[in-house]
Amino acid sequence: MSQPTQPVTTPAEADGPGTRAYVSPTLWRLAGGFAIAHVVLLFAGLSQEILVEGGVSLPKLQEVYGSANLTRVFTGGYVEAMSFLLLTAAVVIIARVFGRRTEAGQVAAQTFLALGVVFIASTLAVGFAPGAAAMYGSQHGADIHAVAMVNDIRNYGYVLQVAIQGGMALALGIAALAEKLFVKWVGWAGAVLGAACVVAVPLANNVFGLVWLIWWVGLGVLLLRGPRTAPRSA
């Protein structure tokens, strides 16, 4: 009696519509659009905000926060916060794109997704609310020492947030290498950037935060181009 055989599918068939590995070109481009729109909206909001780093003298802190235009700054902060809604959509779709074929790719992409959710939630909770509270308090009779403490919660929280961004880049880099998708920019560059960021972020968090955004925009551009039939090494 002959043994039953499994049907053989080609890579093209395995990635076709209706299969688990298939992600429509529209979703690829949506992910790229959301990723880039996040950065655009982020900087649009930041352009209207006032940021005071840790270590600033108390009189200087009172001067900067006490003279700020609350309406303008809070509007900019809300615009920046909305950029993280776009980032949420981007992270979900990107995890789908980079976790389709291999088990290692799926695990790494899901790790990227989990870290992305942690990054977004921590930024909204620790980045925005304490900064707004510190600025509002400085103009409504709050003790300047309390204002400085609340402001430093945001500053030190940012260091940890950049470390999480590094974890995101590292996880997505591993997924890209496993899936053989955008191997150079997302894979190797992402893995190197992520590892360096996690290790050295306390020494240069602003630098790593900026480099991460450049890498992220590059990822968005690649996704906007859409999928190709052949493996891509960009």
Protein backbone atom coordinates (compact mmCIF):
# COMPACT_ATOMS: atom_id res chain seq x y z
CA MET A 1 0.00 0.00 0.00
CA SER A 2 1.42 3.32 -0.99
CA GLN A 3 2.00 5.93 1.68
CA PRO A 4 -0.01 9.14 1.43
CA THR A 5 2.09 12.06 0.36
CA GLN A 6 1.82 15.68 1.33
CA PRO A 7 1.22 18.16 -1.49
CA VAL A 8 4.31 20.09 -2.41
CA THR A 9 3.96 23.87 -2.48
CA THR A 10 6.38 26.33 -3.95
CA PRO A 11 7.52 29.38 -2.01
CA ALA A 12 5.31 31.55 -4.20
CA GLU A 13 2.26 29.39 -3.43
CA ALA A 14 3.14 29.39 0.27
CA ASP A 15 3.05 33.18 0.29
CA GLY A 16 -0.13 33.50 -1.76
CA PRO A 17 -3.43 35.05 -0.66
CA GLY A 18 -5.21 33.00 1.98
CA THR A 19 -2.00 31.57 3.46
CA ARG A 20 -0.49 32.44 6.82
CA ALA A 21 2.67 33.79 5.21
CA TYR A 22 0.81 36.23 3.00
CA VAL A 23 0.62 39.91 3.86
CA SER A 24 -1.01 42.11 1.25
CA PRO A 25 1.04 44.90 -0.36
CA THR A 26 -1.49 47.35 1.06
CA LEU A 27 -0.60 46.32 4.61
CA TRP A 28 3.12 46.65 3.85
CA ARG A 29 2.57 50.20 2.66
CA LEU A 30 0.24 51.03 5.54
CA ALA A 31 2.93 49.90 7.97
CA GLY A 32 5.49 52.10 6.23
CA GLY A 33 3.09 55.04 6.14
CA PHE A 34 2.23 54.71 9.82
CA ALA A 35 5.91 54.38 10.75
CA ILE A 36 6.91 57.56 8.92
CA ALA A 37 3.77 59.47 9.97
CA HIS A 38 4.65 58.70 13.59
CA VAL A 39 8.00 60.46 13.22
CA VAL A 40 6.49 63.44 11.37
CA LEU A 41 3.79 63.94 14.00
CA LEU A 42 6.33 63.36 16.77
CA PHE A 43 8.55 66.23 15.65
CA ALA A 44 5.55 68.44 14.90
CA GLY A 45 4.51 68.08 18.53
CA LEU A 46 8.03 68.46 19.88
CA SER A 47 8.45 71.75 18.00
CA GLN A 48 5.85 73.30 20.31
CA GLU A 49 7.06 71.77 23.58
CA ILE A 50 9.62 72.74 26.19
CA LEU A 51 11.95 70.07 27.53
CA VAL A 52 14.17 70.52 30.58
CA GLU A 53 16.81 67.86 31.19
CA GLY A 54 17.87 66.63 34.61
CA GLY A 55 20.56 68.50 36.47
CA VAL A 56 19.26 71.98 35.62
CA SER A 57 19.37 74.40 38.55
CA LEU A 58 16.11 75.01 40.38
CA PRO A 59 15.97 78.73 39.49
CA LYS A 60 16.49 77.87 35.81
CA LEU A 61 13.80 75.20 35.96
CA GLN A 62 11.37 77.67 37.49
CA GLU A 63 12.25 80.27 34.88
CA VAL A 64 11.74 77.93 31.91
CA TYR A 65 8.58 76.21 33.13
CA GLY A 66 7.15 79.28 34.82
CA SER A 67 7.26 81.35 31.62
CA ALA A 68 5.99 78.62 29.27
CA ASN A 69 2.79 79.03 27.27
CA LEU A 70 0.74 76.17 28.67
CA THR A 71 -1.78 76.13 25.84
CA ARG A 72 0.90 75.87 23.16
CA VAL A 73 3.00 73.33 25.03
CA PHE A 74 0.06 71.12 26.00
CA THR A 75 -1.27 71.21 22.43
CA GLY A 76 2.14 70.12 21.16
CA GLY A 77 2.24 67.37 23.76
CA TYR A 78 -1.17 66.09 22.69
CA VAL A 79 -0.11 66.07 19.02
CA GLU A 80 3.01 64.12 19.99
CA ALA A 81 0.90 61.69 22.02
CA MET A 82 -1.30 61.05 18.98
CA SER A 83 1.82 60.02 17.06
CA PHE A 84 2.06 57.02 19.37
CA LEU A 85 -1.37 55.84 18.24
CA LEU A 86 0.07 55.66 14.73
CA LEU A 87 3.12 53.88 16.12
CA THR A 88 0.86 51.26 17.70
CA ALA A 89 -0.68 50.41 14.34
CA ALA A 90 2.74 50.35 12.70
CA VAL A 91 4.20 47.99 15.32
CA VAL A 92 1.30 45.53 14.99
CA ILE A 93 1.53 45.33 11.19
CA ILE A 94 5.35 45.22 11.13
CA ALA A 95 5.33 42.30 13.56
CA ARG A 96 2.99 40.51 11.13
CA VAL A 97 5.25 41.23 8.15
CA PHE A 98 8.42 39.99 9.85
CA GLY A 99 6.97 36.89 11.56
CA ARG A 100 5.53 34.79 8.76
CA ARG A 101 7.77 31.92 7.67
CA THR A 102 10.19 30.75 10.35
CA GLU A 103 9.71 29.92 13.99
CA ALA A 104 12.65 32.13 14.97
CA GLY A 105 11.19 34.97 12.96
CA GLN A 106 7.79 34.57 14.60
CA VAL A 107 9.24 34.58 18.12
CA ALA A 108 11.47 37.58 17.40
CA ALA A 109 8.63 39.51 15.74
CA GLN A 110 6.31 38.84 18.68
CA THR A 111 9.06 40.00 21.04
CA PHE A 112 9.33 43.18 18.99
CA LEU A 113 5.55 43.62 19.25
CA ALA A 114 5.56 43.13 23.04
CA LEU A 115 8.44 45.58 23.50
CA GLY A 116 6.67 48.04 21.22
CA VAL A 117 3.55 47.94 23.38
CA VAL A 118 5.67 48.42 26.52
CA PHE A 119 7.50 51.35 24.90
CA ILE A 120 4.30 53.09 23.82
CA ALA A 121 2.53 52.56 27.15
CA SER A 122 5.51 53.71 29.21
CA THR A 123 6.04 56.78 27.03
CA LEU A 124 2.42 57.88 27.34
CA ALA A 125 2.35 57.22 31.09
CA VAL A 126 5.82 58.34 32.18
CA GLY A 127 6.80 60.73 29.41
CA PHE A 128 3.78 62.96 28.97
CA ALA A 129 1.82 63.13 32.22
CA PRO A 130 4.75 63.94 34.57
CA GLY A 131 6.08 66.62 32.23
CA ALA A 132 2.68 68.27 31.98
CA ALA A 133 2.17 68.04 35.75
CA ALA A 134 5.58 69.59 36.45
CA MET A 135 4.99 72.50 34.12
CA TYR A 136 1.46 73.12 35.35
CA GLY A 137 2.59 72.92 38.97
CA SER A 138 5.40 75.41 38.43
CA GLN A 139 2.81 78.00 37.35
CA HIS A 140 0.27 77.22 40.06
CA GLY A 141 2.22 77.42 43.31
CA ALA A 142 3.85 73.99 43.51
CA ASP A 143 7.12 73.71 45.43
CA ILE A 144 10.03 73.87 42.97
CA HIS A 145 11.66 70.81 44.56
CA ALA A 146 8.49 68.82 43.87
CA VAL A 147 8.44 70.16 40.31
CA ALA A 148 12.05 69.05 39.80
CA MET A 149 11.33 65.59 41.17
CA VAL A 150 8.33 65.07 38.90
CA ASN A 151 10.29 66.39 35.93
CA ASP A 152 13.13 63.95 36.66
CA ILE A 153 10.66 61.04 36.59
CA ARG A 154 10.15 61.89 32.94
CA ASN A 155 13.87 62.37 32.29
CA TYR A 156 15.01 59.11 33.83
CA GLY A 157 12.01 57.30 32.36
CA TYR A 158 13.20 58.43 28.93
CA VAL A 159 16.52 56.64 29.41
CA LEU A 160 14.69 53.36 30.01
CA GLN A 161 12.37 54.02 27.08
CA VAL A 162 15.33 54.37 24.72
CA ALA A 163 16.67 51.08 26.08
CA ILE A 164 13.33 49.49 25.18
CA GLN A 165 13.63 50.99 21.70
CA GLY A 166 16.99 49.25 21.46
CA GLY A 167 15.32 45.98 22.38
CA MET A 168 12.76 46.57 19.64
CA ALA A 169 15.48 47.12 17.04
CA LEU A 170 17.37 44.04 18.21
CA ALA A 171 14.28 41.81 18.13
CA LEU A 172 13.18 43.03 14.70
CA GLY A 173 16.74 42.68 13.41
CA ILE A 174 16.76 39.03 14.46
CA ALA A 175 13.37 38.53 12.83
CA ALA A 176 14.59 40.12 9.60
CA LEU A 177 17.66 37.88 9.54
CA ALA A 178 15.57 34.77 10.22
CA GLU A 179 13.02 35.70 7.55
CA LYS A 180 15.71 36.96 5.10
CA LEU A 181 13.81 40.21 4.72
CA PHE A 182 15.60 43.58 4.46
CA VAL A 183 18.68 41.80 5.78
CA LYS A 184 21.11 44.73 5.64
CA TRP A 185 19.11 47.68 6.98
CA VAL A 186 16.55 46.03 9.24
CA GLY A 187 18.52 42.85 9.98
CA TRP A 188 22.17 43.64 10.59
CA ALA A 189 21.80 47.37 11.20
CA GLY A 190 18.86 46.80 13.53
CA ALA A 191 20.64 44.08 15.49
CA VAL A 192 23.83 46.13 15.90
CA LEU A 193 21.94 49.30 16.79
CA GLY A 194 19.70 47.45 19.24
CA ALA A 195 22.55 45.70 21.02
CA ALA A 196 24.61 48.91 21.27
CA CYS A 197 21.58 50.84 22.49
CA VAL A 198 20.74 48.37 25.24
CA VAL A 199 24.34 48.30 26.48
CA ALA A 200 25.34 51.97 26.18
CA VAL A 201 22.10 53.97 26.40
CA PRO A 202 22.90 55.40 29.88
CA LEU A 203 25.94 57.12 28.34
CA ALA A 204 24.26 58.68 25.30
CA ASN A 205 20.50 58.24 25.39
CA ASN A 206 19.74 61.27 23.19
CA VAL A 207 22.17 60.10 20.51
CA PHE A 208 20.76 56.58 20.47
CA GLY A 209 17.21 57.92 20.44
CA LEU A 210 17.97 59.97 17.32
CA VAL A 211 19.82 57.15 15.55
CA TRP A 212 16.89 54.83 16.30
CA LEU A 213 14.51 57.28 14.61
CA ILE A 214 16.72 57.39 11.51
CA TRP A 215 16.73 53.60 11.38
CA TRP A 216 12.96 53.58 11.89
CA VAL A 217 12.35 56.00 9.00
CA GLY A 218 14.54 53.80 6.78
CA LEU A 219 12.38 50.82 7.73
CA GLY A 220 9.27 52.83 6.86
CA VAL A 221 10.66 53.73 3.42
CA LEU A 222 11.46 50.08 2.68
CA LEU A 223 7.96 49.02 3.66
CA LEU A 224 6.40 51.73 1.50
CA ARG A 225 8.05 50.13 -1.52
CA GLY A 226 6.02 47.01 -0.85
CA PRO A 227 6.96 43.34 -1.13
CA ARG A 228 8.89 41.73 -3.95
CA THR A 229 8.88 38.14 -5.11
CA ALA A 230 12.61 37.66 -4.54
CA PRO A 231 14.27 37.84 -1.13
CA ARG A 232 15.42 41.36 -0.34
CA SER A 233 18.70 42.27 1.29
CA ALA A 234 18.31 46.05 1.57
